[in-house]
Structures are given as structure tokens and as C-alpha cells.
């Protein structure tokens, strides 16, 4: 969710009153529309040491205080505030179940046994540069009751 958000920008927000952005101290007049570039924020080396490395243990040690429910602005894959994704609770509950079920039931491999290319293409929704091609085979034989 940090390295590969669904889209590079959050929905636009409009400042209701004059304010100062907390990161760099920019003055934002009332009525200004703000576009948050979460792709850049999630890969910022000032916030995330070695941001391009997949290190899930960082959420158990150095960034254990960070959650993704919109309260910590260094990780906001679902947005924050009133325009936060309304399906966050559903996604959090179903994601683990779906992933566990897929990993339990199937074997996944690429046709050439090559690593998956994770580069993004130039698109509004960050589609992959090369389409994902995997071979899926059942892990267990099905049994009928």
C-alpha cells in the first residue's frame, strides 16, 4: 500500500480558510485546491529510510506508531479526512482473508520463472508498465463431500 498506491494523487481538497501547511510552512489561502501526491510522499527518503526497499518489519520497529487510517500523514493510501475512502473497513477485513485464501489454495509462478516487473506505467491509476502474467495452479486436489 505504501510503494504501490492505487493512484498517485488523492482527490482534490479545498482549503476552507487560510492555513499553513505543516510540512514546509507554505501559506495556503482560503479556496485553494490542494492535490496530494501520495506517490511522492510514500517514497520520500526524509520520511522513510530506504523508501524503495520492501521492509515490512519497519512497521514493527521504527514506524510502529504509523497506521493507514488517515491520522498519520506519512502513510495515507486510503486518503484522510472527510474524503477518505469509504470502503477502508471492508478492504482491511477482506484483504487478509482473500490473500490467505489465494495463497492457501493456489501456486503462482511466472511463465519464464522471472521476477515480476513492478515498474509503473504513465497512467492516472499507476497501471504496471508490463502486464502481469502468472500461471495459477491449484495447490490441492478438490474433494467432494
N, C-alpha and C. Protein backbone atom coordinates (compact mmCIF):
# COMPACT_ATOMS: atom_id res chain seq x y z
N UNK A 1 0.82 -1.19 0.00
CA UNK A 1 0.00 0.00 0.00
C UNK A 1 0.86 1.26 0.00
N UNK A 2 2.10 1.15 0.50
CA UNK A 2 2.95 2.32 0.51
C UNK A 2 3.66 2.51 -0.82
N UNK A 3 4.28 1.48 -1.33
CA UNK A 3 5.04 1.62 -2.57
C UNK A 3 4.16 1.66 -3.81
N UNK A 4 3.03 1.02 -3.78
CA UNK A 4 2.19 0.93 -4.97
C UNK A 4 0.75 1.32 -4.65
N UNK A 5 0.51 2.62 -4.40
CA UNK A 5 -0.87 3.05 -4.16
C UNK A 5 -1.69 2.93 -5.45
N UNK A 6 -2.99 2.90 -5.34
CA UNK A 6 -3.85 2.72 -6.50
C UNK A 6 -3.77 3.91 -7.45
N UNK A 7 -3.54 5.10 -6.95
CA UNK A 7 -3.43 6.30 -7.79
C UNK A 7 -2.35 7.20 -7.18
N UNK A 8 -1.68 8.00 -8.00
CA UNK A 8 -0.61 8.85 -7.46
C UNK A 8 -1.11 10.05 -6.66
N UNK A 9 -2.34 10.51 -6.93
CA UNK A 9 -2.87 11.68 -6.24
C UNK A 9 -4.16 11.32 -5.51
N UNK A 10 -4.37 11.99 -4.36
CA UNK A 10 -5.65 11.87 -3.67
C UNK A 10 -6.67 12.76 -4.37
N UNK A 11 -7.93 12.62 -4.01
CA UNK A 11 -8.94 13.53 -4.53
C UNK A 11 -8.59 14.95 -4.11
N UNK A 12 -8.92 15.95 -4.91
CA UNK A 12 -8.58 17.33 -4.53
C UNK A 12 -9.33 17.77 -3.27
N UNK A 13 -8.63 18.51 -2.45
CA UNK A 13 -9.22 19.11 -1.26
C UNK A 13 -9.16 20.62 -1.42
N UNK A 14 -10.10 21.32 -0.84
CA UNK A 14 -10.12 22.78 -0.93
C UNK A 14 -9.99 23.35 0.48
N UNK A 15 -9.06 24.31 0.62
CA UNK A 15 -8.86 24.95 1.92
C UNK A 15 -10.08 25.83 2.23
N UNK A 16 -10.70 25.60 3.37
CA UNK A 16 -11.88 26.37 3.74
C UNK A 16 -11.51 27.71 4.35
N UNK A 17 -10.30 27.79 4.90
CA UNK A 17 -9.81 29.05 5.48
C UNK A 17 -8.31 29.12 5.27
N UNK A 18 -7.74 30.29 5.47
CA UNK A 18 -6.29 30.44 5.33
C UNK A 18 -5.60 29.49 6.32
N UNK A 19 -4.55 28.84 5.86
CA UNK A 19 -3.84 27.93 6.75
C UNK A 19 -2.38 27.84 6.32
N UNK A 20 -1.59 27.19 7.14
CA UNK A 20 -0.18 26.96 6.87
C UNK A 20 0.01 25.45 6.78
N UNK A 21 0.60 24.97 5.66
CA UNK A 21 0.88 23.54 5.54
C UNK A 21 1.97 23.17 6.53
N UNK A 22 1.76 22.08 7.26
CA UNK A 22 2.65 21.71 8.35
C UNK A 22 4.01 21.24 7.87
N UNK A 23 4.14 20.77 6.64
CA UNK A 23 5.40 20.17 6.21
C UNK A 23 6.47 21.24 5.97
N UNK A 24 6.19 22.20 5.10
CA UNK A 24 7.19 23.20 4.75
C UNK A 24 6.80 24.62 5.15
N UNK A 25 5.65 24.78 5.77
CA UNK A 25 5.24 26.09 6.22
C UNK A 25 4.68 26.98 5.12
N UNK A 26 4.16 26.41 4.04
CA UNK A 26 3.57 27.20 2.97
C UNK A 26 2.24 27.80 3.42
N UNK A 27 2.01 29.06 3.05
CA UNK A 27 0.74 29.71 3.33
C UNK A 27 -0.24 29.33 2.22
N UNK A 28 -1.42 28.81 2.60
CA UNK A 28 -2.43 28.41 1.64
C UNK A 28 -3.66 29.28 1.86
N UNK A 29 -4.00 30.14 0.89
CA UNK A 29 -5.20 30.99 1.05
C UNK A 29 -6.49 30.18 0.97
N UNK A 30 -7.55 30.68 1.57
CA UNK A 30 -8.85 30.03 1.51
C UNK A 30 -9.29 29.89 0.06
N UNK A 31 -9.91 28.74 -0.27
CA UNK A 31 -10.39 28.50 -1.62
C UNK A 31 -9.38 27.81 -2.52
N UNK A 32 -8.16 27.60 -2.06
CA UNK A 32 -7.14 26.94 -2.86
C UNK A 32 -7.41 25.44 -2.91
N UNK A 33 -7.31 24.86 -4.09
CA UNK A 33 -7.46 23.40 -4.22
C UNK A 33 -6.10 22.75 -4.08
N UNK A 34 -6.05 21.72 -3.25
CA UNK A 34 -4.81 21.00 -2.98
C UNK A 34 -4.89 19.59 -3.55
N UNK A 35 -3.85 19.20 -4.25
CA UNK A 35 -3.71 17.84 -4.74
C UNK A 35 -2.54 17.21 -4.01
N UNK A 36 -2.78 16.14 -3.28
CA UNK A 36 -1.74 15.48 -2.51
C UNK A 36 -1.12 14.37 -3.34
N UNK A 37 0.18 14.46 -3.56
CA UNK A 37 0.91 13.45 -4.32
C UNK A 37 1.39 12.38 -3.34
N UNK A 38 0.55 11.35 -3.14
CA UNK A 38 0.92 10.33 -2.17
C UNK A 38 2.02 9.42 -2.70
N UNK A 39 2.14 9.31 -4.03
CA UNK A 39 3.22 8.50 -4.58
C UNK A 39 4.55 9.06 -4.11
N UNK A 40 4.71 10.39 -4.17
CA UNK A 40 5.96 11.04 -3.74
C UNK A 40 6.10 10.97 -2.22
N UNK A 41 5.02 11.20 -1.52
CA UNK A 41 5.05 11.19 -0.06
C UNK A 41 5.46 9.82 0.48
N UNK A 42 4.95 8.76 -0.13
CA UNK A 42 5.27 7.40 0.33
C UNK A 42 6.68 6.96 -0.04
N UNK A 43 7.34 7.69 -0.94
CA UNK A 43 8.70 7.35 -1.35
C UNK A 43 9.71 8.42 -0.93
N UNK A 44 9.34 9.28 -0.02
CA UNK A 44 10.21 10.38 0.42
C UNK A 44 11.27 9.84 1.38
N UNK A 45 12.58 9.97 1.03
CA UNK A 45 13.63 9.47 1.91
C UNK A 45 13.75 10.25 3.22
N UNK A 46 13.16 11.45 3.30
CA UNK A 46 13.17 12.20 4.56
C UNK A 46 12.21 11.58 5.57
N UNK A 47 11.24 10.84 5.10
CA UNK A 47 10.25 10.20 5.98
C UNK A 47 10.55 8.72 6.15
N UNK A 48 10.86 8.04 5.03
CA UNK A 48 11.08 6.61 5.04
C UNK A 48 12.53 6.31 4.69
N UNK A 49 13.33 5.82 5.64
CA UNK A 49 14.70 5.41 5.28
C UNK A 49 14.65 4.27 4.27
N UNK A 50 15.47 4.35 3.24
CA UNK A 50 15.47 3.37 2.15
C UNK A 50 14.05 3.13 1.65
N UNK A 51 13.41 4.16 1.08
CA UNK A 51 11.99 4.05 0.76
C UNK A 51 11.64 3.03 -0.31
N UNK A 52 12.58 2.67 -1.17
CA UNK A 52 12.26 1.73 -2.25
C UNK A 52 12.46 0.27 -1.84
N UNK A 53 12.96 0.03 -0.64
CA UNK A 53 13.13 -1.33 -0.15
C UNK A 53 11.83 -1.83 0.48
N UNK A 54 11.50 -3.08 0.20
CA UNK A 54 10.36 -3.72 0.84
C UNK A 54 10.81 -4.25 2.19
N UNK A 55 10.48 -3.54 3.25
CA UNK A 55 10.87 -3.93 4.60
C UNK A 55 9.63 -3.85 5.50
N UNK A 56 8.80 -4.87 5.51
CA UNK A 56 7.60 -4.80 6.34
C UNK A 56 7.90 -4.71 7.83
N UNK A 57 9.08 -5.11 8.24
CA UNK A 57 9.41 -5.04 9.67
C UNK A 57 9.53 -3.61 10.17
N UNK A 58 9.64 -2.63 9.27
CA UNK A 58 9.72 -1.23 9.70
C UNK A 58 8.45 -0.81 10.44
N UNK A 59 7.32 -1.49 10.14
CA UNK A 59 6.07 -1.16 10.83
C UNK A 59 5.97 -1.83 12.20
N UNK A 60 6.96 -2.64 12.54
CA UNK A 60 7.04 -3.22 13.88
C UNK A 60 8.09 -2.53 14.72
N UNK A 61 8.99 -1.75 14.08
CA UNK A 61 10.10 -1.12 14.81
C UNK A 61 10.04 0.40 14.67
N UNK A 62 10.71 0.95 13.67
CA UNK A 62 10.88 2.41 13.56
C UNK A 62 9.59 3.16 13.28
N UNK A 63 8.65 2.57 12.58
CA UNK A 63 7.40 3.24 12.24
C UNK A 63 6.19 2.50 12.84
N UNK A 64 6.37 1.97 14.03
CA UNK A 64 5.28 1.20 14.65
C UNK A 64 4.09 2.08 15.03
N UNK A 65 4.30 3.38 15.18
CA UNK A 65 3.21 4.29 15.54
C UNK A 65 2.33 4.66 14.35
N UNK A 66 2.77 4.36 13.13
CA UNK A 66 2.06 4.76 11.91
C UNK A 66 0.94 3.78 11.59
N UNK A 67 -0.25 4.31 11.36
CA UNK A 67 -1.33 3.47 10.83
C UNK A 67 -1.82 4.11 9.54
N UNK A 68 -2.64 3.41 8.81
CA UNK A 68 -3.06 3.89 7.49
C UNK A 68 -4.49 4.38 7.48
N UNK A 69 -5.04 4.73 8.60
CA UNK A 69 -6.41 5.21 8.69
C UNK A 69 -6.54 6.72 8.56
N UNK A 70 -5.51 7.39 8.03
CA UNK A 70 -5.62 8.80 7.73
C UNK A 70 -5.19 9.74 8.83
N UNK A 71 -4.65 9.23 9.93
CA UNK A 71 -4.22 10.10 11.03
C UNK A 71 -2.74 10.41 10.99
N UNK A 72 -1.96 9.57 10.35
CA UNK A 72 -0.52 9.80 10.19
C UNK A 72 -0.27 10.07 8.72
N UNK A 73 0.15 11.29 8.41
CA UNK A 73 0.18 11.72 7.02
C UNK A 73 1.38 11.22 6.24
N UNK A 74 2.26 10.43 6.85
CA UNK A 74 3.34 9.84 6.07
C UNK A 74 2.89 8.56 5.36
N UNK A 75 1.74 8.03 5.72
CA UNK A 75 1.18 6.85 5.06
C UNK A 75 -0.33 7.03 4.95
N UNK A 76 -0.81 7.41 3.77
CA UNK A 76 -2.25 7.64 3.60
C UNK A 76 -2.74 6.99 2.31
N UNK A 77 -2.65 5.66 2.19
CA UNK A 77 -3.10 5.02 0.94
C UNK A 77 -4.61 5.13 0.72
N UNK A 78 -5.39 5.33 1.77
CA UNK A 78 -6.84 5.45 1.63
C UNK A 78 -7.29 6.90 1.76
N UNK A 79 -6.35 7.85 1.77
CA UNK A 79 -6.71 9.25 1.94
C UNK A 79 -6.90 9.58 3.42
N UNK A 80 -7.45 10.77 3.67
CA UNK A 80 -7.73 11.17 5.04
C UNK A 80 -8.84 12.21 5.04
N UNK A 81 -9.37 12.45 6.21
CA UNK A 81 -10.42 13.47 6.34
C UNK A 81 -11.76 12.99 5.83
N UNK A 82 -12.60 13.95 5.45
CA UNK A 82 -13.96 13.62 5.02
C UNK A 82 -14.00 12.88 3.70
N UNK A 83 -12.96 13.01 2.89
CA UNK A 83 -12.94 12.34 1.60
C UNK A 83 -12.12 11.05 1.62
N UNK A 84 -11.96 10.50 2.79
CA UNK A 84 -11.27 9.23 2.91
C UNK A 84 -12.08 8.13 2.24
N UNK A 85 -11.43 7.12 1.75
CA UNK A 85 -12.11 6.02 1.05
C UNK A 85 -13.18 5.41 1.96
N UNK A 86 -14.43 5.36 1.50
CA UNK A 86 -15.49 4.81 2.35
C UNK A 86 -15.39 3.29 2.53
N UNK A 87 -14.62 2.62 1.68
CA UNK A 87 -14.51 1.17 1.77
C UNK A 87 -13.32 0.69 2.58
N UNK A 88 -12.68 1.56 3.38
CA UNK A 88 -11.46 1.18 4.11
C UNK A 88 -11.73 0.03 5.08
N UNK A 89 -12.81 0.06 5.82
CA UNK A 89 -13.08 -1.00 6.79
C UNK A 89 -13.32 -2.33 6.09
N UNK A 90 -14.05 -2.29 5.00
CA UNK A 90 -14.29 -3.51 4.22
C UNK A 90 -12.97 -4.04 3.66
N UNK A 91 -12.15 -3.14 3.09
CA UNK A 91 -10.88 -3.55 2.48
C UNK A 91 -9.95 -4.17 3.51
N UNK A 92 -9.86 -3.58 4.68
CA UNK A 92 -8.96 -4.10 5.71
C UNK A 92 -9.38 -5.50 6.15
N UNK A 93 -10.67 -5.71 6.30
CA UNK A 93 -11.15 -7.02 6.75
C UNK A 93 -11.05 -8.08 5.66
N UNK A 94 -11.36 -7.73 4.44
CA UNK A 94 -11.42 -8.71 3.36
C UNK A 94 -10.04 -8.98 2.75
N UNK A 95 -9.13 -8.01 2.80
CA UNK A 95 -7.81 -8.17 2.19
C UNK A 95 -7.07 -9.37 2.76
N UNK A 96 -7.01 -9.50 4.07
CA UNK A 96 -6.29 -10.61 4.70
C UNK A 96 -6.93 -11.96 4.36
N UNK A 97 -8.24 -12.00 4.40
CA UNK A 97 -8.95 -13.24 4.10
C UNK A 97 -8.73 -13.65 2.64
N UNK A 98 -8.84 -12.70 1.74
CA UNK A 98 -8.66 -13.01 0.32
C UNK A 98 -7.24 -13.46 0.02
N UNK A 99 -6.26 -12.74 0.53
CA UNK A 99 -4.86 -13.11 0.31
C UNK A 99 -4.53 -14.47 0.91
N UNK A 100 -4.99 -14.72 2.13
CA UNK A 100 -4.73 -16.02 2.76
C UNK A 100 -5.39 -17.15 1.97
N UNK A 101 -6.58 -16.92 1.50
CA UNK A 101 -7.27 -17.95 0.73
C UNK A 101 -6.55 -18.24 -0.59
N UNK A 102 -6.12 -17.20 -1.29
CA UNK A 102 -5.39 -17.39 -2.55
C UNK A 102 -4.07 -18.13 -2.33
N UNK A 103 -3.32 -17.72 -1.31
CA UNK A 103 -2.03 -18.36 -1.05
C UNK A 103 -2.18 -19.81 -0.58
N UNK A 104 -3.26 -20.08 0.12
CA UNK A 104 -3.50 -21.44 0.60
C UNK A 104 -3.95 -22.37 -0.53
N UNK A 105 -4.77 -21.88 -1.42
CA UNK A 105 -5.40 -22.72 -2.44
C UNK A 105 -4.60 -22.87 -3.73
N UNK A 106 -3.71 -21.91 -4.05
CA UNK A 106 -3.08 -21.91 -5.36
C UNK A 106 -1.57 -21.72 -5.30
N UNK A 107 -0.90 -22.21 -6.34
CA UNK A 107 0.52 -21.96 -6.58
C UNK A 107 0.61 -20.91 -7.68
N UNK A 108 1.49 -19.93 -7.52
CA UNK A 108 1.66 -18.88 -8.50
C UNK A 108 3.09 -18.90 -9.03
N UNK A 109 3.24 -18.75 -10.33
CA UNK A 109 4.57 -18.62 -10.93
C UNK A 109 4.45 -17.84 -12.23
N UNK A 110 5.55 -17.25 -12.65
CA UNK A 110 5.56 -16.54 -13.92
C UNK A 110 5.92 -17.53 -15.02
N UNK A 111 5.52 -17.25 -16.26
CA UNK A 111 5.80 -18.22 -17.34
C UNK A 111 7.29 -18.52 -17.52
N UNK A 112 8.16 -17.55 -17.34
CA UNK A 112 9.59 -17.76 -17.54
C UNK A 112 10.36 -17.92 -16.23
N UNK A 113 9.67 -18.05 -15.13
CA UNK A 113 10.28 -18.06 -13.79
C UNK A 113 11.10 -16.79 -13.54
N UNK A 114 10.69 -15.70 -14.17
CA UNK A 114 11.36 -14.40 -13.98
C UNK A 114 10.64 -13.64 -12.88
N UNK A 115 11.35 -12.73 -12.21
CA UNK A 115 10.66 -11.92 -11.19
C UNK A 115 9.61 -11.02 -11.85
N UNK A 116 8.61 -10.67 -11.08
CA UNK A 116 7.54 -9.81 -11.57
C UNK A 116 8.07 -8.39 -11.73
N UNK A 117 7.80 -7.79 -12.88
CA UNK A 117 8.22 -6.41 -13.14
C UNK A 117 7.24 -5.47 -12.44
N UNK A 118 7.72 -4.74 -11.43
CA UNK A 118 6.86 -3.87 -10.64
C UNK A 118 6.92 -2.40 -11.08
N UNK A 119 7.51 -2.09 -12.22
CA UNK A 119 7.57 -0.72 -12.70
C UNK A 119 6.19 -0.24 -13.12
N UNK A 120 5.90 1.04 -12.79
CA UNK A 120 4.61 1.61 -13.14
C UNK A 120 4.68 2.25 -14.51
N UNK A 121 3.56 2.26 -15.18
CA UNK A 121 3.44 2.95 -16.46
C UNK A 121 2.92 4.36 -16.24
N UNK A 122 2.96 5.19 -17.29
CA UNK A 122 2.48 6.57 -17.16
C UNK A 122 0.96 6.63 -17.28
N UNK A 123 0.28 6.41 -16.19
CA UNK A 123 -1.17 6.37 -16.22
C UNK A 123 -1.70 7.03 -14.96
N UNK A 124 -2.96 7.40 -14.98
CA UNK A 124 -3.57 8.07 -13.84
C UNK A 124 -3.77 7.12 -12.67
N UNK A 125 -3.91 5.83 -12.95
CA UNK A 125 -4.12 4.86 -11.87
C UNK A 125 -2.92 3.95 -11.64
N UNK A 126 -1.75 4.34 -12.10
CA UNK A 126 -0.50 3.61 -11.87
C UNK A 126 -0.58 2.15 -12.29
N UNK A 127 -1.01 1.92 -13.49
CA UNK A 127 -1.00 0.56 -14.04
C UNK A 127 0.44 0.12 -14.22
N UNK A 128 0.67 -1.17 -14.24
CA UNK A 128 2.02 -1.70 -14.44
C UNK A 128 2.50 -1.44 -15.86
N UNK A 129 3.80 -1.21 -16.03
CA UNK A 129 4.38 -0.95 -17.35
C UNK A 129 4.23 -2.18 -18.25
N UNK A 130 4.47 -3.35 -17.67
CA UNK A 130 4.24 -4.59 -18.41
C UNK A 130 3.13 -5.35 -17.70
N UNK A 131 2.17 -5.85 -18.45
CA UNK A 131 1.06 -6.57 -17.81
C UNK A 131 1.56 -7.79 -17.03
N UNK A 132 0.90 -8.05 -15.94
CA UNK A 132 1.26 -9.19 -15.09
C UNK A 132 0.80 -10.48 -15.77
N UNK A 133 1.74 -11.40 -15.93
CA UNK A 133 1.43 -12.71 -16.48
C UNK A 133 1.86 -13.75 -15.45
N UNK A 134 0.90 -14.49 -14.93
CA UNK A 134 1.20 -15.54 -13.96
C UNK A 134 0.46 -16.81 -14.34
N UNK A 135 1.04 -17.90 -13.95
CA UNK A 135 0.39 -19.20 -14.11
C UNK A 135 -0.14 -19.60 -12.73
N UNK A 136 -1.41 -19.89 -12.68
CA UNK A 136 -2.05 -20.25 -11.42
C UNK A 136 -2.48 -21.71 -11.50
N UNK A 137 -2.03 -22.49 -10.53
CA UNK A 137 -2.43 -23.89 -10.50
C UNK A 137 -2.90 -24.24 -9.09
N UNK A 138 -3.88 -25.14 -9.00
CA UNK A 138 -4.39 -25.49 -7.66
C UNK A 138 -3.33 -26.19 -6.83
N UNK A 139 -3.29 -25.84 -5.57
CA UNK A 139 -2.31 -26.44 -4.67
C UNK A 139 -2.76 -27.83 -4.20
N UNK A 140 -4.05 -28.00 -4.00
CA UNK A 140 -4.58 -29.27 -3.51
C UNK A 140 -5.64 -29.79 -4.47
N UNK A 141 -5.86 -31.06 -4.45
CA UNK A 141 -6.94 -31.61 -5.25
C UNK A 141 -8.24 -31.36 -4.54
N UNK A 142 -9.28 -31.11 -5.30
CA UNK A 142 -10.57 -30.84 -4.66
C UNK A 142 -11.23 -32.15 -4.22
N UNK A 143 -11.87 -32.09 -3.12
CA UNK A 143 -12.59 -33.26 -2.60
C UNK A 143 -14.05 -32.89 -2.45
N UNK A 144 -14.90 -33.79 -2.81
CA UNK A 144 -16.33 -33.54 -2.68
C UNK A 144 -16.86 -34.27 -1.47
N UNK A 145 -17.72 -33.62 -0.76
CA UNK A 145 -18.32 -34.22 0.44
C UNK A 145 -19.49 -35.08 0.07
